[in-house]
PDB file of N, CA and C in Angstrom:
ATOM      1  N   MET A   1     100.684 121.812 132.169  1.00  0.00           N
ATOM      2  CA  MET A   1      99.720 122.802 131.792  1.00  0.00           C
ATOM      3  C   MET A   1     100.467 124.022 131.237  1.00  0.00           C
ATOM      4  N   LEU A   2      99.956 124.527 130.116  1.00  0.00           N
ATOM      5  CA  LEU A   2     100.599 125.672 129.472  1.00  0.00           C
ATOM      6  C   LEU A   2      99.997 126.942 130.049  1.00  0.00           C
ATOM      7  N   VAL A   3     100.890 127.824 130.471  1.00  0.00           N
ATOM      8  CA  VAL A   3     100.415 129.095 131.013  1.00  0.00           C
ATOM      9  C   VAL A   3     100.876 130.255 130.068  1.00  0.00           C
ATOM     10  N   PRO A   4      99.944 130.977 129.522  1.00  0.00           N
ATOM     11  CA  PRO A   4     100.292 132.082 128.603  1.00  0.00           C
ATOM     12  C   PRO A   4     101.052 133.191 129.333  1.00  0.00           C
ATOM     13  N   VAL A   5     101.817 133.924 128.609  1.00  0.00           N
ATOM     14  CA  VAL A   5     102.573 135.031 129.180  1.00  0.00           C
ATOM     15  C   VAL A   5     101.657 136.218 129.298  1.00  0.00           C
ATOM     16  N   PHE A   6     101.664 136.902 130.469  1.00  0.00           N
ATOM     17  CA  PHE A   6     100.845 138.046 130.712  1.00  0.00           C
ATOM     18  C   PHE A   6     101.679 139.285 130.704  1.00  0.00           C
ATOM     19  N   ILE A   7     101.050 140.429 130.251  1.00  0.00           N
ATOM     20  CA  ILE A   7     101.705 141.709 130.391  1.00  0.00           C
ATOM     21  C   ILE A   7     101.018 142.520 131.462  1.00  0.00           C
ATOM     22  N   ALA A   8     101.394 143.754 131.691  1.00  0.00           N
ATOM     23  CA  ALA A   8     100.877 144.563 132.787  1.00  0.00           C
ATOM     24  C   ALA A   8      99.364 144.649 132.733  1.00  0.00           C
ATOM     25  N   GLU A   9      98.787 145.016 131.645  1.00  0.00           N
ATOM     26  CA  GLU A   9      97.306 145.087 131.454  1.00  0.00           C
ATOM     27  C   GLU A   9      96.808 143.929 130.639  1.00  0.00           C
ATOM     28  N   PHE A  10      95.690 143.396 131.014  1.00  0.00           N
ATOM     29  CA  PHE A  10      95.155 142.239 130.265  1.00  0.00           C
ATOM     30  C   PHE A  10      94.743 142.702 128.853  1.00  0.00           C
ATOM     31  N   ASP A  11      95.290 142.027 127.897  1.00  0.00           N
ATOM     32  CA  ASP A  11      94.962 142.282 126.468  1.00  0.00           C
ATOM     33  C   ASP A  11      94.534 140.988 125.839  1.00  0.00           C
ATOM     34  N   PRO A  12      93.271 140.907 125.448  1.00  0.00           N
ATOM     35  CA  PRO A  12      92.748 139.618 124.897  1.00  0.00           C
ATOM     36  C   PRO A  12      93.528 139.203 123.643  1.00  0.00           C
ATOM     37  N   VAL A  13      93.961 140.117 122.803  1.00  0.00           N
ATOM     38  CA  VAL A  13      94.693 139.735 121.590  1.00  0.00           C
ATOM     39  C   VAL A  13      96.050 139.109 122.001  1.00  0.00           C
ATOM     40  N   TRP A  14      96.741 139.765 122.948  1.00  0.00           N
ATOM     41  CA  TRP A  14      97.998 139.183 123.414  1.00  0.00           C
ATOM     42  C   TRP A  14      97.793 137.838 124.127  1.00  0.00           C
ATOM     43  N   TYR A  15      96.731 137.694 124.807  1.00  0.00           N
ATOM     44  CA  TYR A  15      96.410 136.444 125.555  1.00  0.00           C
ATOM     45  C   TYR A  15      96.260 135.297 124.522  1.00  0.00           C
ATOM     46  N   VAL A  16      95.432 135.554 123.480  1.00  0.00           N
ATOM     47  CA  VAL A  16      95.182 134.556 122.457  1.00  0.00           C
ATOM     48  C   VAL A  16      96.443 134.243 121.699  1.00  0.00           C
ATOM     49  N   ALA A  17      97.176 135.293 121.310  1.00  0.00           N
ATOM     50  CA  ALA A  17      98.413 135.092 120.545  1.00  0.00           C
ATOM     51  C   ALA A  17      99.495 134.299 121.381  1.00  0.00           C
ATOM     52  N   SER A  18      99.635 134.603 122.629  1.00  0.00           N
ATOM     53  CA  SER A  18     100.640 133.887 123.396  1.00  0.00           C
ATOM     54  C   SER A  18     100.202 132.463 123.672  1.00  0.00           C
ATOM     55  N   THR A  19      98.909 132.247 123.858  1.00  0.00           N
ATOM     56  CA  THR A  19      98.416 130.893 124.069  1.00  0.00           C
ATOM     57  C   THR A  19      98.653 130.011 122.811  1.00  0.00           C
ATOM     58  N   LEU A  20      98.329 130.578 121.666  1.00  0.00           N
ATOM     59  CA  LEU A  20      98.537 129.872 120.384  1.00  0.00           C
ATOM     60  C   LEU A  20     100.011 129.584 120.178  1.00  0.00           C
ATOM     61  N   LEU A  21     100.852 130.549 120.505  1.00  0.00           N
ATOM     62  CA  LEU A  21     102.259 130.349 120.366  1.00  0.00           C
ATOM     63  C   LEU A  21     102.789 129.230 121.313  1.00  0.00           C
ATOM     64  N   SER A  22     102.290 129.220 122.527  1.00  0.00           N
ATOM     65  CA  SER A  22     102.703 128.130 123.446  1.00  0.00           C
ATOM     66  C   SER A  22     102.270 126.775 122.985  1.00  0.00           C
ATOM     67  N   VAL A  23     101.051 126.694 122.488  1.00  0.00           N
ATOM     68  CA  VAL A  23     100.505 125.421 122.002  1.00  0.00           C
ATOM     69  C   VAL A  23     101.274 124.978 120.792  1.00  0.00           C
ATOM     70  N   THR A  24     101.551 125.913 119.879  1.00  0.00           N
ATOM     71  CA  THR A  24     102.270 125.562 118.618  1.00  0.00           C
ATOM     72  C   THR A  24     103.654 125.093 118.970  1.00  0.00           C
ATOM     73  N   ALA A  25     104.358 125.752 119.902  1.00  0.00           N
ATOM     74  CA  ALA A  25     105.733 125.343 120.257  1.00  0.00           C
ATOM     75  C   ALA A  25     105.698 123.937 120.908  1.00  0.00           C
ATOM     76  N   ALA A  26     104.684 123.728 121.748  1.00  0.00           N
ATOM     77  CA  ALA A  26     104.615 122.430 122.438  1.00  0.00           C
ATOM     78  C   ALA A  26     104.331 121.325 121.370  1.00  0.00           C
ATOM     79  N   GLY A  27     103.426 121.625 120.453  1.00  0.00           N
ATOM     80  CA  GLY A  27     103.141 120.648 119.360  1.00  0.00           C
ATOM     81  C   GLY A  27     104.335 120.359 118.496  1.00  0.00           C
ATOM     82  N   ALA A  28     105.096 121.373 118.191  1.00  0.00           N
ATOM     83  CA  ALA A  28     106.306 121.172 117.371  1.00  0.00           C
ATOM     84  C   ALA A  28     107.311 120.309 118.141  1.00  0.00           C
ATOM     85  N   ALA A  29     107.472 120.546 119.409  1.00  0.00           N
ATOM     86  CA  ALA A  29     108.407 119.780 120.246  1.00  0.00           C
ATOM     87  C   ALA A  29     108.004 118.282 120.280  1.00  0.00           C
ATOM     88  N   VAL A  30     106.721 118.036 120.471  1.00  0.00           N
ATOM     89  CA  VAL A  30     106.239 116.665 120.496  1.00  0.00           C
ATOM     90  C   VAL A  30     106.408 115.949 119.139  1.00  0.00           C
ATOM     91  N   THR A  31     106.162 116.718 118.071  1.00  0.00           N
ATOM     92  CA  THR A  31     106.342 116.127 116.729  1.00  0.00           C
ATOM     93  C   THR A  31     107.761 115.731 116.479  1.00  0.00           C
ATOM     94  N   VAL A  32     108.732 116.618 116.797  1.00  0.00           N
ATOM     95  CA  VAL A  32     110.128 116.364 116.618  1.00  0.00           C
ATOM     96  C   VAL A  32     110.549 115.156 117.509  1.00  0.00           C
ATOM     97  N   TRP A  33     110.079 115.116 118.764  1.00  0.00           N
ATOM     98  CA  TRP A  33     110.416 114.043 119.642  1.00  0.00           C
ATOM     99  C   TRP A  33     109.924 112.709 119.077  1.00  0.00           C
ATOM    100  N   ALA A  34     108.662 112.674 118.582  1.00  0.00           N
ATOM    101  CA  ALA A  34     108.097 111.444 118.071  1.00  0.00           C
ATOM    102  C   ALA A  34     108.840 111.026 116.816  1.00  0.00           C
ATOM    103  N   ALA A  35     109.229 111.933 115.944  1.00  0.00           N
ATOM    104  CA  ALA A  35     109.966 111.563 114.733  1.00  0.00           C
ATOM    105  C   ALA A  35     111.323 110.989 115.086  1.00  0.00           C
ATOM    106  N   VAL A  36     112.008 111.659 115.981  1.00  0.00           N
ATOM    107  CA  VAL A  36     113.353 111.128 116.373  1.00  0.00           C
ATOM    108  C   VAL A  36     113.217 109.754 117.053  1.00  0.00           C
ATOM    109  N   ARG A  37     112.216 109.554 117.822  1.00  0.00           N
ATOM    110  CA  ARG A  37     112.049 108.299 118.493  1.00  0.00           C
ATOM    111  C   ARG A  37     111.676 107.192 117.438  1.00  0.00           C
ATOM    112  N   ALA A  38     110.871 107.516 116.486  1.00  0.00           N
ATOM    113  CA  ALA A  38     110.479 106.555 115.475  1.00  0.00           C
ATOM    114  C   ALA A  38     111.691 106.123 114.598  1.00  0.00           C
ATOM    115  N   VAL A  39     112.500 107.099 114.249  1.00  0.00           N
ATOM    116  CA  VAL A  39     113.647 106.791 113.412  1.00  0.00           C
ATOM    117  C   VAL A  39     114.675 106.001 114.206  1.00  0.00           C
ATOM    118  N   SER A  40     114.866 106.353 115.448  1.00  0.00           N
ATOM    119  CA  SER A  40     115.836 105.648 116.295  1.00  0.00           C
ATOM    120  C   SER A  40     115.473 104.182 116.564  1.00  0.00           C
ATOM    121  N   ARG A  41     114.168 103.940 116.581  1.00  0.00           N
ATOM    122  CA  ARG A  41     113.695 102.532 116.871  1.00  0.00           C
ATOM    123  C   ARG A  41     113.601 101.669 115.614  1.00  0.00           C
ATOM    124  N   SER A  42     113.503 102.303 114.443  1.00  0.00           N
ATOM    125  CA  SER A  42     113.320 101.472 113.252  1.00  0.00           C
ATOM    126  C   SER A  42     114.692 100.894 112.810  1.00  0.00           C
ATOM    127  N   GLY A  43     114.621  99.674 112.400  1.00  0.00           N
ATOM    128  CA  GLY A  43     115.850  99.009 111.915  1.00  0.00           C
ATOM    129  C   GLY A  43     116.064  99.292 110.409  1.00  0.00           C
ATOM    130  N   PRO A  44     116.929  98.589 109.834  1.00  0.00           N
ATOM    131  CA  PRO A  44     117.139  98.759 108.347  1.00  0.00           C
ATOM    132  C   PRO A  44     115.935  98.275 107.601  1.00  0.00           C
ATOM    133  N   VAL A  45     115.663  99.003 106.517  1.00  0.00           N
ATOM    134  CA  VAL A  45     114.464  98.698 105.715  1.00  0.00           C
ATOM    135  C   VAL A  45     114.840  97.559 104.738  1.00  0.00           C
ATOM    136  N   PRO A  46     114.087  96.459 104.715  1.00  0.00           N
ATOM    137  CA  PRO A  46     114.475  95.358 103.805  1.00  0.00           C
ATOM    138  C   PRO A  46     114.221  95.741 102.324  1.00  0.00           C
ATOM    139  N   ALA A  47     115.017  95.171 101.452  1.00  0.00           N
ATOM    140  CA  ALA A  47     114.861  95.453 100.034  1.00  0.00           C
ATOM    141  C   ALA A  47     113.652  94.654  99.538  1.00  0.00           C
ATOM    142  N   PRO A  48     112.986  95.180  98.520  1.00  0.00           N
ATOM    143  CA  PRO A  48     111.783  94.449  97.970  1.00  0.00           C
ATOM    144  C   PRO A  48     112.252  93.135  97.270  1.00  0.00           C
ATOM    145  N   VAL A  49     111.453  92.127  97.458  1.00  0.00           N
ATOM    146  CA  VAL A  49     111.772  90.817  96.855  1.00  0.00           C
ATOM    147  C   VAL A  49     111.072  90.704  95.516  1.00  0.00           C
ATOM    148  N   ALA A  50     111.849  90.228  94.505  1.00  0.00           N
ATOM    149  CA  ALA A  50     111.218  90.095  93.175  1.00  0.00           C
ATOM    150  C   ALA A  50     110.109  89.117  93.186  1.00  0.00           C
ATOM    151  N   HIS A  51     109.046  89.497  92.484  1.00  0.00           N
ATOM    152  CA  HIS A  51     107.851  88.631  92.424  1.00  0.00           C
ATOM    153  C   HIS A  51     108.124  87.487  91.401  1.00  0.00           C
ATOM    154  N   ARG A  52     107.596  86.293  91.670  1.00  0.00           N
ATOM    155  CA  ARG A  52     107.898  85.198  90.839  1.00  0.00           C
ATOM    156  C   ARG A  52     107.389  85.325  89.409  1.00  0.00           C
ATOM    157  N   SER A  53     106.145  85.739  89.251  1.00  0.00           N
ATOM    158  CA  SER A  53     105.560  85.775  87.925  1.00  0.00           C
ATOM    159  C   SER A  53     105.977  86.950  87.076  1.00  0.00           C
ATOM    160  N   THR A  54     106.138  88.101  87.677  1.00  0.00           N
ATOM    161  CA  THR A  54     106.426  89.308  86.870  1.00  0.00           C
ATOM    162  C   THR A  54     107.916  89.641  86.875  1.00  0.00           C
ATOM    163  N   GLY A  55     108.655  89.205  87.897  1.00  0.00           N
ATOM    164  CA  GLY A  55     110.037  89.598  87.994  1.00  0.00           C
ATOM    165  C   GLY A  55     110.196  91.010  88.549  1.00  0.00           C
ATOM    166  N   SER A  56     109.074  91.643  88.862  1.00  0.00           N
ATOM    167  CA  SER A  56     109.148  93.017  89.374  1.00  0.00           C
ATOM    168  C   SER A  56     109.201  92.995  90.913  1.00  0.00           C
ATOM    169  N   ALA A  57     109.159  94.201  91.504  1.00  0.00           N
ATOM    170  CA  ALA A  57     109.274  94.276  92.960  1.00  0.00           C
ATOM    171  C   ALA A  57     108.003  93.929  93.677  1.00  0.00           C
ATOM    172  N   GLY A  58     106.914  93.634  92.967  1.00  0.00           N
ATOM    173  CA  GLY A  58     105.707  93.326  93.605  1.00  0.00           C
ATOM    174  C   GLY A  58     104.607  92.865  92.618  1.00  0.00           C
ATOM    175  N   PRO A  59     103.494  92.355  93.089  1.00  0.00           N
ATOM    176  CA  PRO A  59     102.469  91.843  92.202  1.00  0.00           C
ATOM    177  C   PRO A  59     101.680  92.879  91.496  1.00  0.00           C
ATOM    178  N   HIS A  60     101.795  94.163  91.929  1.00  0.00           N
ATOM    179  CA  HIS A  60     100.991  95.201  91.331  1.00  0.00           C
ATOM    180  C   HIS A  60     101.674  96.073  90.268  1.00  0.00           C
ATOM    181  N   HIS A  61     102.814  95.617  89.817  1.00  0.00           N
ATOM    182  CA  HIS A  61     103.547  96.368  88.842  1.00  0.00           C
ATOM    183  C   HIS A  61     103.151  95.866  87.463  1.00  0.00           C
ATOM    184  N   GLY A  62     103.208  96.734  86.456  1.00  0.00           N
ATOM    185  CA  GLY A  62     102.831  96.373  85.118  1.00  0.00           C
ATOM    186  C   GLY A  62     101.380  96.819  84.828  1.00  0.00           C
ATOM    187  N   SER A  63     100.978  96.648  83.563  1.00  0.00           N
ATOM    188  CA  SER A  63      99.683  97.083  83.158  1.00  0.00           C
ATOM    189  C   SER A  63      98.594  96.060  83.563  1.00  0.00           C
ATOM    190  N   VAL A  64      97.377  96.542  83.529  1.00  0.00           N
ATOM    191  CA  VAL A  64      96.236  95.662  83.870  1.00  0.00           C
ATOM    192  C   VAL A  64      96.150  94.542  82.842  1.00  0.00           C
ATOM    193  N   ALA A  65      96.360  94.877  81.558  1.00  0.00           N
ATOM    194  CA  ALA A  65      96.307  93.883  80.498  1.00  0.00           C
ATOM    195  C   ALA A  65      97.379  92.798  80.695  1.00  0.00           C
ATOM    196  N   GLN A  66      98.573  93.225  81.113  1.00  0.00           N
ATOM    197  CA  GLN A  66      99.661  92.266  81.360  1.00  0.00           C
ATOM    198  C   GLN A  66      99.289  91.318  82.506  1.00  0.00           C
ATOM    199  N   ARG A  67      98.711  91.864  83.591  1.00  0.00           N
ATOM    200  CA  ARG A  67      98.301  91.029  84.685  1.00  0.00           C
ATOM    201  C   ARG A  67      97.212  90.040  84.260  1.00  0.00           C
ATOM    202  N   ARG A  68      96.290  90.462  83.411  1.00  0.00           N
ATOM    203  CA  ARG A  68      95.201  89.590  82.957  1.00  0.00           C
ATOM    204  C   ARG A  68      95.777  88.456  82.097  1.00  0.00           C
ATOM    205  N   ARG A  69      96.732  88.809  81.233  1.00  0.00           N
ATOM    206  CA  ARG A  69      97.336  87.782  80.381  1.00  0.00           C
ATOM    207  C   ARG A  69      98.112  86.750  81.253  1.00  0.00           C
ATOM    208  N   GLU A  70      98.805  87.246  82.299  1.00  0.00           N
ATOM    209  CA  GLU A  70      99.510  86.291  83.164  1.00  0.00           C
ATOM    210  C   GLU A  70      98.564  85.438  83.979  1.00  0.00           C
ATOM    211  N   ALA A  71      97.380  85.974  84.331  1.00  0.00           N
ATOM    212  CA  ALA A  71      96.450  85.254  85.147  1.00  0.00           C
ATOM    213  C   ALA A  71      95.675  84.165  84.324  1.00  0.00           C
ATOM    214  N   ALA A  72      95.631  84.393  83.025  1.00  0.00           N
ATOM    215  CA  ALA A  72      94.839  83.483  82.181  1.00  0.00           C
ATOM    216  C   ALA A  72      95.599  82.169  81.902  1.00  0.00           C
TER     217      ALA A  72
END
């Protein structure tokens, strides 16, 4: 649970600001943790395999007209 920092007298502006700062810092920490965890768990990215009909890296490369000619 996040507890905002209090000063001697209760100030609503300071309360809201400190709460937002606490939530933002916690969110940033979780984001960084998740990114580091995702990168550390991912293996090497495989290279794209050439497509047989077009010779490109996938079936969606080239113009629409070219794909229609190849399909015909």
